[in-house]
PDB file of all heavy atoms in Angstrom:
ATOM      1  N   TYR A   1     -34.809  15.525 -19.533  1.00  0.00           N
ATOM      2  CA  TYR A   1     -35.486  15.877 -20.784  1.00  0.00           C
ATOM      3  C   TYR A   1     -34.300  15.755 -21.836  1.00  0.00           C
ATOM      4  O   TYR A   1     -33.185  15.563 -21.644  1.00  0.00           O
ATOM      5  CB  TYR A   1     -35.924  17.332 -20.783  1.00  0.00           C
ATOM      6  CG  TYR A   1     -37.004  17.614 -19.563  1.00  0.00           C
ATOM      7  CD1 TYR A   1     -36.891  18.674 -18.769  1.00  0.00           C
ATOM      8  CD2 TYR A   1     -38.092  16.705 -19.511  1.00  0.00           C
ATOM      9  CE1 TYR A   1     -37.808  18.936 -17.846  1.00  0.00           C
ATOM     10  CE2 TYR A   1     -39.073  16.970 -18.462  1.00  0.00           C
ATOM     11  CZ  TYR A   1     -38.868  18.119 -17.646  1.00  0.00           C
ATOM     12  OH  TYR A   1     -39.798  18.237 -16.697  1.00  0.00           O
ATOM     13  N   TYR A   2     -34.872  15.901 -23.059  1.00  0.00           N
ATOM     14  CA  TYR A   2     -33.921  15.802 -24.299  1.00  0.00           C
ATOM     15  C   TYR A   2     -33.660  17.002 -25.086  1.00  0.00           C
ATOM     16  O   TYR A   2     -34.592  17.984 -24.936  1.00  0.00           O
ATOM     17  CB  TYR A   2     -34.528  14.695 -25.127  1.00  0.00           C
ATOM     18  CG  TYR A   2     -35.971  14.829 -25.597  1.00  0.00           C
ATOM     19  CD1 TYR A   2     -36.290  15.735 -26.575  1.00  0.00           C
ATOM     20  CD2 TYR A   2     -37.029  14.176 -24.777  1.00  0.00           C
ATOM     21  CE1 TYR A   2     -37.788  15.897 -26.881  1.00  0.00           C
ATOM     22  CE2 TYR A   2     -38.338  14.362 -25.090  1.00  0.00           C
ATOM     23  CZ  TYR A   2     -38.710  15.281 -26.204  1.00  0.00           C
ATOM     24  OH  TYR A   2     -39.971  15.446 -26.463  1.00  0.00           O
ATOM     25  N   ALA A   3     -32.520  17.155 -25.644  1.00  0.00           N
ATOM     26  CA  ALA A   3     -32.273  18.254 -26.520  1.00  0.00           C
ATOM     27  C   ALA A   3     -33.061  18.055 -27.899  1.00  0.00           C
ATOM     28  O   ALA A   3     -33.695  16.864 -28.105  1.00  0.00           O
ATOM     29  CB  ALA A   3     -30.902  18.382 -26.831  1.00  0.00           C
ATOM     30  N   LYS A   4     -33.013  19.014 -28.794  1.00  0.00           N
ATOM     31  CA  LYS A   4     -33.703  18.885 -30.046  1.00  0.00           C
ATOM     32  C   LYS A   4     -32.712  19.135 -31.210  1.00  0.00           C
ATOM     33  O   LYS A   4     -31.819  19.861 -31.029  1.00  0.00           O
ATOM     34  CB  LYS A   4     -34.829  19.936 -30.176  1.00  0.00           C
ATOM     35  CG  LYS A   4     -35.985  19.703 -29.063  1.00  0.00           C
ATOM     36  CD  LYS A   4     -37.193  20.670 -29.304  1.00  0.00           C
ATOM     37  CE  LYS A   4     -38.234  20.478 -28.329  1.00  0.00           C
ATOM     38  NZ  LYS A   4     -37.933  21.131 -27.013  1.00  0.00           N
ATOM     39  N   GLY A   5     -32.986  18.446 -32.439  1.00  0.00           N
ATOM     40  CA  GLY A   5     -32.229  18.592 -33.555  1.00  0.00           C
ATOM     41  C   GLY A   5     -33.143  18.439 -34.691  1.00  0.00           C
ATOM     42  O   GLY A   5     -34.410  18.222 -34.657  1.00  0.00           O
ATOM     43  N   ILE A   6     -32.535  18.660 -35.983  1.00  0.00           N
ATOM     44  CA  ILE A   6     -33.321  18.543 -37.311  1.00  0.00           C
ATOM     45  C   ILE A   6     -32.509  17.586 -38.146  1.00  0.00           C
ATOM     46  O   ILE A   6     -31.194  17.475 -38.168  1.00  0.00           O
ATOM     47  CB  ILE A   6     -33.256  19.862 -37.936  1.00  0.00           C
ATOM     48  CG1 ILE A   6     -33.997  20.847 -37.119  1.00  0.00           C
ATOM     49  CG2 ILE A   6     -33.935  19.787 -39.265  1.00  0.00           C
ATOM     50  CD1 ILE A   6     -35.482  20.680 -36.914  1.00  0.00           C
ATOM     51  N   VAL A   7     -33.259  16.719 -38.752  1.00  0.00           N
ATOM     52  CA  VAL A   7     -32.741  15.761 -39.717  1.00  0.00           C
ATOM     53  C   VAL A   7     -31.717  16.468 -40.745  1.00  0.00           C
ATOM     54  O   VAL A   7     -32.208  17.673 -41.307  1.00  0.00           O
ATOM     55  CB  VAL A   7     -33.867  15.126 -40.629  1.00  0.00           C
ATOM     56  CG1 VAL A   7     -33.218  14.194 -41.708  1.00  0.00           C
ATOM     57  CG2 VAL A   7     -34.683  14.260 -39.750  1.00  0.00           C
ATOM     58  N   GLY A   8     -30.586  16.030 -40.867  1.00  0.00           N
ATOM     59  CA  GLY A   8     -29.498  16.684 -41.851  1.00  0.00           C
ATOM     60  C   GLY A   8     -28.734  17.775 -41.246  1.00  0.00           C
ATOM     61  O   GLY A   8     -27.917  18.282 -41.930  1.00  0.00           O
ATOM     62  N   LYS A   9     -28.953  18.046 -39.869  1.00  0.00           N
ATOM     63  CA  LYS A   9     -28.138  19.220 -39.352  1.00  0.00           C
ATOM     64  C   LYS A   9     -27.371  18.519 -38.196  1.00  0.00           C
ATOM     65  O   LYS A   9     -27.937  17.817 -37.333  1.00  0.00           O
ATOM     66  CB  LYS A   9     -29.096  20.309 -38.792  1.00  0.00           C
ATOM     67  CG  LYS A   9     -29.543  21.220 -39.881  1.00  0.00           C
ATOM     68  CD  LYS A   9     -30.241  22.455 -39.333  1.00  0.00           C
ATOM     69  CE  LYS A   9     -29.189  23.407 -38.808  1.00  0.00           C
ATOM     70  NZ  LYS A   9     -28.442  24.092 -39.888  1.00  0.00           N
ATOM     71  N   LYS A  10     -26.029  18.804 -38.206  1.00  0.00           N
ATOM     72  CA  LYS A  10     -25.134  18.255 -37.317  1.00  0.00           C
ATOM     73  C   LYS A  10     -25.428  18.542 -35.770  1.00  0.00           C
ATOM     74  O   LYS A  10     -25.923  19.682 -35.425  1.00  0.00           O
ATOM     75  CB  LYS A  10     -23.655  18.604 -37.518  1.00  0.00           C
ATOM     76  CG  LYS A  10     -23.092  18.059 -38.743  1.00  0.00           C
ATOM     77  CD  LYS A  10     -21.583  18.398 -38.976  1.00  0.00           C
ATOM     78  CE  LYS A  10     -21.019  17.794 -40.190  1.00  0.00           C
ATOM     79  NZ  LYS A  10     -19.613  18.328 -40.394  1.00  0.00           N
ATOM     80  N   ILE A  11     -25.429  17.442 -34.996  1.00  0.00           N
ATOM     81  CA  ILE A  11     -25.528  17.780 -33.354  1.00  0.00           C
ATOM     82  C   ILE A  11     -24.133  17.882 -32.905  1.00  0.00           C
ATOM     83  O   ILE A  11     -23.301  16.949 -32.985  1.00  0.00           O
ATOM     84  CB  ILE A  11     -26.290  16.681 -32.906  1.00  0.00           C
ATOM     85  CG1 ILE A  11     -27.670  16.496 -33.498  1.00  0.00           C
ATOM     86  CG2 ILE A  11     -26.401  16.767 -31.238  1.00  0.00           C
ATOM     87  CD1 ILE A  11     -28.663  17.730 -33.133  1.00  0.00           C
ATOM     88  N   LYS A  12     -23.795  18.970 -32.144  1.00  0.00           N
ATOM     89  CA  LYS A  12     -22.576  19.145 -31.419  1.00  0.00           C
ATOM     90  C   LYS A  12     -22.706  18.771 -29.988  1.00  0.00           C
ATOM     91  O   LYS A  12     -23.580  19.213 -29.321  1.00  0.00           O
ATOM     92  CB  LYS A  12     -22.040  20.605 -31.665  1.00  0.00           C
ATOM     93  CG  LYS A  12     -20.712  20.780 -31.075  1.00  0.00           C
ATOM     94  CD  LYS A  12     -20.281  22.327 -31.417  1.00  0.00           C
ATOM     95  CE  LYS A  12     -18.854  22.522 -30.835  1.00  0.00           C
ATOM     96  NZ  LYS A  12     -18.474  24.011 -31.136  1.00  0.00           N
ATOM     97  N   VAL A  13     -21.748  17.892 -29.522  1.00  0.00           N
ATOM     98  CA  VAL A  13     -21.773  17.518 -28.124  1.00  0.00           C
ATOM     99  C   VAL A  13     -20.419  17.905 -27.539  1.00  0.00           C
ATOM    100  O   VAL A  13     -19.350  17.646 -28.116  1.00  0.00           O
ATOM    101  CB  VAL A  13     -21.930  15.920 -28.066  1.00  0.00           C
ATOM    102  CG1 VAL A  13     -21.895  15.565 -26.589  1.00  0.00           C
ATOM    103  CG2 VAL A  13     -23.268  15.489 -28.693  1.00  0.00           C
ATOM    104  N   GLU A  14     -20.558  18.573 -26.423  1.00  0.00           N
ATOM    105  CA  GLU A  14     -19.357  19.088 -25.788  1.00  0.00           C
ATOM    106  C   GLU A  14     -19.248  18.562 -24.257  1.00  0.00           C
ATOM    107  O   GLU A  14     -20.224  18.160 -23.723  1.00  0.00           O
ATOM    108  CB  GLU A  14     -19.449  20.705 -25.719  1.00  0.00           C
ATOM    109  CG  GLU A  14     -19.631  21.284 -27.106  1.00  0.00           C
ATOM    110  CD  GLU A  14     -19.757  22.829 -26.909  1.00  0.00           C
ATOM    111  OE1 GLU A  14     -18.842  23.485 -26.596  1.00  0.00           O
ATOM    112  OE2 GLU A  14     -20.911  23.336 -27.269  1.00  0.00           O
ATOM    113  N   CYS A  15     -18.099  18.631 -23.794  1.00  0.00           N
ATOM    114  CA  CYS A  15     -17.862  18.197 -22.423  1.00  0.00           C
ATOM    115  C   CYS A  15     -16.470  18.721 -21.859  1.00  0.00           C
ATOM    116  O   CYS A  15     -15.632  19.127 -22.783  1.00  0.00           O
ATOM    117  CB  CYS A  15     -17.984  16.659 -22.248  1.00  0.00           C
ATOM    118  SG  CYS A  15     -16.576  15.843 -23.022  1.00  0.00           S
ATOM    119  N   ASP A  16     -16.289  18.654 -20.588  1.00  0.00           N
ATOM    120  CA  ASP A  16     -15.030  18.906 -20.048  1.00  0.00           C
ATOM    121  C   ASP A  16     -14.482  17.452 -19.756  1.00  0.00           C
ATOM    122  O   ASP A  16     -15.251  16.581 -19.066  1.00  0.00           O
ATOM    123  CB  ASP A  16     -15.112  19.718 -18.783  1.00  0.00           C
ATOM    124  CG  ASP A  16     -15.317  21.202 -19.090  1.00  0.00           C
ATOM    125  OD1 ASP A  16     -15.165  21.646 -20.161  1.00  0.00           O
ATOM    126  OD2 ASP A  16     -15.778  21.819 -18.112  1.00  0.00           O
ATOM    127  N   LEU A  17     -13.292  17.114 -20.187  1.00  0.00           N
ATOM    128  CA  LEU A  17     -12.729  15.797 -19.888  1.00  0.00           C
ATOM    129  C   LEU A  17     -11.265  15.899 -19.461  1.00  0.00           C
ATOM    130  O   LEU A  17     -10.456  16.600 -20.127  1.00  0.00           O
ATOM    131  CB  LEU A  17     -12.909  14.988 -21.240  1.00  0.00           C
ATOM    132  CG  LEU A  17     -12.392  13.430 -21.233  1.00  0.00           C
ATOM    133  CD1 LEU A  17     -13.201  12.631 -22.224  1.00  0.00           C
ATOM    134  CD2 LEU A  17     -10.913  13.404 -21.468  1.00  0.00           C
ATOM    135  N   PHE A  18     -10.904  15.355 -18.358  1.00  0.00           N
ATOM    136  CA  PHE A  18      -9.492  15.436 -17.799  1.00  0.00           C
ATOM    137  C   PHE A  18      -9.178  14.281 -16.899  1.00  0.00           C
ATOM    138  O   PHE A  18     -10.219  13.608 -16.413  1.00  0.00           O
ATOM    139  CB  PHE A  18      -9.311  16.873 -17.155  1.00  0.00           C
ATOM    140  CG  PHE A  18     -10.400  17.121 -16.047  1.00  0.00           C
ATOM    141  CD1 PHE A  18     -10.004  16.786 -14.721  1.00  0.00           C
ATOM    142  CD2 PHE A  18     -11.580  17.683 -16.303  1.00  0.00           C
ATOM    143  CE1 PHE A  18     -10.894  16.960 -13.737  1.00  0.00           C
ATOM    144  CE2 PHE A  18     -12.437  17.889 -15.393  1.00  0.00           C
ATOM    145  CZ  PHE A  18     -12.167  17.486 -13.978  1.00  0.00           C
ATOM    146  N   GLY A  19      -8.004  14.169 -16.543  1.00  0.00           N
ATOM    147  CA  GLY A  19      -7.594  13.033 -15.689  1.00  0.00           C
ATOM    148  C   GLY A  19      -6.524  13.662 -14.773  1.00  0.00           C
ATOM    149  O   GLY A  19      -6.238  14.791 -14.762  1.00  0.00           O
ATOM    150  N   ASP A  20      -6.070  12.815 -13.765  1.00  0.00           N
ATOM    151  CA  ASP A  20      -5.148  13.234 -12.748  1.00  0.00           C
ATOM    152  C   ASP A  20      -3.820  13.164 -13.421  1.00  0.00           C
ATOM    153  O   ASP A  20      -3.504  12.546 -14.484  1.00  0.00           O
ATOM    154  CB  ASP A  20      -5.176  12.347 -11.640  1.00  0.00           C
ATOM    155  CG  ASP A  20      -4.911  10.896 -11.977  1.00  0.00           C
ATOM    156  OD1 ASP A  20      -3.737  10.469 -12.039  1.00  0.00           O
ATOM    157  OD2 ASP A  20      -5.938  10.172 -12.238  1.00  0.00           O
ATOM    158  N   GLY A  21      -2.904  14.004 -12.932  1.00  0.00           N
ATOM    159  CA  GLY A  21      -1.394  13.884 -13.421  1.00  0.00           C
ATOM    160  C   GLY A  21      -1.319  14.513 -14.770  1.00  0.00           C
ATOM    161  O   GLY A  21      -2.107  15.410 -15.118  1.00  0.00           O
ATOM    162  N   HIS A  22      -0.378  13.991 -15.551  1.00  0.00           N
ATOM    163  CA  HIS A  22       0.049  14.651 -16.830  1.00  0.00           C
ATOM    164  C   HIS A  22      -0.186  13.580 -17.868  1.00  0.00           C
ATOM    165  O   HIS A  22       0.324  13.772 -19.021  1.00  0.00           O
ATOM    166  CB  HIS A  22       1.515  15.133 -16.816  1.00  0.00           C
ATOM    167  CG  HIS A  22       1.790  16.125 -15.798  1.00  0.00           C
ATOM    168  ND1 HIS A  22       1.286  17.434 -15.833  1.00  0.00           N
ATOM    169  CD2 HIS A  22       2.377  16.167 -14.583  1.00  0.00           C
ATOM    170  CE1 HIS A  22       1.577  18.130 -14.756  1.00  0.00           C
ATOM    171  NE2 HIS A  22       2.344  17.365 -13.838  1.00  0.00           N
ATOM    172  N   ASP A  23      -0.840  12.361 -17.625  1.00  0.00           N
ATOM    173  CA  ASP A  23      -1.008  11.480 -18.805  1.00  0.00           C
ATOM    174  C   ASP A  23      -1.873  12.040 -19.839  1.00  0.00           C
ATOM    175  O   ASP A  23      -2.822  12.741 -19.590  1.00  0.00           O
ATOM    176  CB  ASP A  23      -1.485  10.150 -18.207  1.00  0.00           C
ATOM    177  CG  ASP A  23      -0.413   9.354 -17.361  1.00  0.00           C
ATOM    178  OD1 ASP A  23       0.755   9.674 -17.561  1.00  0.00           O
ATOM    179  OD2 ASP A  23      -0.842   8.471 -16.577  1.00  0.00           O
ATOM    180  N   VAL A  24      -1.633  11.448 -21.007  1.00  0.00           N
ATOM    181  CA  VAL A  24      -2.603  11.805 -22.070  1.00  0.00           C
ATOM    182  C   VAL A  24      -3.876  11.124 -22.008  1.00  0.00           C
ATOM    183  O   VAL A  24      -3.957   9.993 -21.608  1.00  0.00           O
ATOM    184  CB  VAL A  24      -1.963  11.381 -23.441  1.00  0.00           C
ATOM    185  CG1 VAL A  24      -2.822  11.665 -24.622  1.00  0.00           C
ATOM    186  CG2 VAL A  24      -0.553  12.037 -23.736  1.00  0.00           C
ATOM    187  N   VAL A  25      -4.987  11.973 -22.177  1.00  0.00           N
ATOM    188  CA  VAL A  25      -6.306  11.398 -22.021  1.00  0.00           C
ATOM    189  C   VAL A  25      -6.979  11.538 -23.313  1.00  0.00           C
ATOM    190  O   VAL A  25      -6.539  12.271 -24.238  1.00  0.00           O
ATOM    191  CB  VAL A  25      -7.289  12.140 -20.906  1.00  0.00           C
ATOM    192  CG1 VAL A  25      -6.570  11.938 -19.460  1.00  0.00           C
ATOM    193  CG2 VAL A  25      -7.252  13.660 -21.268  1.00  0.00           C
ATOM    194  N   ASN A  26      -8.039  10.739 -23.567  1.00  0.00           N
ATOM    195  CA  ASN A  26      -8.622  10.704 -24.872  1.00  0.00           C
ATOM    196  C   ASN A  26     -10.168  10.315 -24.575  1.00  0.00           C
ATOM    197  O   ASN A  26     -10.540   9.958 -23.392  1.00  0.00           O
ATOM    198  CB  ASN A  26      -8.141   9.593 -25.762  1.00  0.00           C
ATOM    199  CG  ASN A  26      -8.140  10.159 -27.290  1.00  0.00           C
ATOM    200  OD1 ASN A  26      -9.014  10.850 -27.632  1.00  0.00           O
ATOM    201  ND2 ASN A  26      -7.201   9.600 -28.082  1.00  0.00           N
ATOM    202  N   GLY A  27     -10.967  10.543 -25.597  1.00  0.00           N
ATOM    203  CA  GLY A  27     -12.459  10.173 -25.484  1.00  0.00           C
ATOM    204  C   GLY A  27     -13.154  10.141 -26.785  1.00  0.00           C
ATOM    205  O   GLY A  27     -12.619  10.443 -27.804  1.00  0.00           O
ATOM    206  N   SER A  28     -14.273   9.555 -26.667  1.00  0.00           N
ATOM    207  CA  SER A  28     -15.193   9.322 -27.819  1.00  0.00           C
ATOM    208  C   SER A  28     -16.646   9.683 -27.458  1.00  0.00           C
ATOM    209  O   SER A  28     -17.106   9.631 -26.419  1.00  0.00           O
ATOM    210  CB  SER A  28     -15.103   7.846 -28.184  1.00  0.00           C
ATOM    211  OG  SER A  28     -13.939   7.535 -28.796  1.00  0.00           O
ATOM    212  N   LEU A  29     -17.261  10.032 -28.637  1.00  0.00           N
ATOM    213  CA  LEU A  29     -18.710  10.251 -28.647  1.00  0.00           C
ATOM    214  C   LEU A  29     -19.333   9.036 -29.235  1.00  0.00           C
ATOM    215  O   LEU A  29     -19.017   8.644 -30.384  1.00  0.00           O
ATOM    216  CB  LEU A  29     -19.098  11.508 -29.307  1.00  0.00           C
ATOM    217  CG  LEU A  29     -20.667  11.625 -29.638  1.00  0.00           C
ATOM    218  CD1 LEU A  29     -21.433  11.873 -28.461  1.00  0.00           C
ATOM    219  CD2 LEU A  29     -20.946  12.783 -30.556  1.00  0.00           C
ATOM    220  N   LEU A  30     -20.213   8.346 -28.595  1.00  0.00           N
ATOM    221  CA  LEU A  30     -21.084   7.248 -29.130  1.00  0.00           C
ATOM    222  C   LEU A  30     -22.507   7.642 -29.324  1.00  0.00           C
ATOM    223  O   LEU A  30     -23.013   8.259 -28.383  1.00  0.00           O
ATOM    224  CB  LEU A  30     -20.814   5.919 -28.352  1.00  0.00           C
ATOM    225  CG  LEU A  30     -19.498   5.263 -28.246  1.00  0.00           C
ATOM    226  CD1 LEU A  30     -18.660   5.992 -27.147  1.00  0.00           C
ATOM    227  CD2 LEU A  30     -19.585   3.833 -28.003  1.00  0.00           C
ATOM    228  N   TYR A  31     -23.093   7.231 -30.445  1.00  0.00           N
ATOM    229  CA  TYR A  31     -24.487   7.631 -30.601  1.00  0.00           C
ATOM    230  C   TYR A  31     -25.182   6.708 -31.450  1.00  0.00           C
ATOM    231  O   TYR A  31     -24.547   5.826 -32.306  1.00  0.00           O
ATOM    232  CB  TYR A  31     -24.510   9.004 -31.311  1.00  0.00           C
ATOM    233  CG  TYR A  31     -23.863   9.088 -32.652  1.00  0.00           C
ATOM    234  CD1 TYR A  31     -24.535   8.769 -33.831  1.00  0.00           C
ATOM    235  CD2 TYR A  31     -22.434   9.223 -32.842  1.00  0.00           C
ATOM    236  CE1 TYR A  31     -23.969   8.794 -35.057  1.00  0.00           C
ATOM    237  CE2 TYR A  31     -21.825   9.153 -34.091  1.00  0.00           C
ATOM    238  CZ  TYR A  31     -22.435   9.040 -35.159  1.00  0.00           C
ATOM    239  OH  TYR A  31     -21.888   8.990 -36.433  1.00  0.00           O
ATOM    240  N   LYS A  32     -26.514   6.519 -31.423  1.00  0.00           N
ATOM    241  CA  LYS A  32     -27.287   5.626 -32.324  1.00  0.00           C
ATOM    242  C   LYS A  32     -28.701   6.135 -32.196  1.00  0.00           C
ATOM    243  O   LYS A  32     -29.223   6.801 -31.313  1.00  0.00           O
ATOM    244  CB  LYS A  32     -27.197   4.240 -31.760  1.00  0.00           C
ATOM    245  CG  LYS A  32     -27.889   4.024 -30.549  1.00  0.00           C
ATOM    246  CD  LYS A  32     -27.665   2.347 -30.256  1.00  0.00           C
ATOM    247  CE  LYS A  32     -28.504   1.962 -29.072  1.00  0.00           C
ATOM    248  NZ  LYS A  32     -30.010   1.928 -29.371  1.00  0.00           N
TER     249      LYS A  32
END
C-alpha cells in the first residue's frame, strides 16, 4: 500500500543505512 501526503507539505522519508567496517557510507532519496 502507499503512504499519504498533501500538496505543498513536505514528505519525510527515513531509513537505517549502514555498511560493514568503518568506511564512510552515504545515501540519497530519489523521487518523482
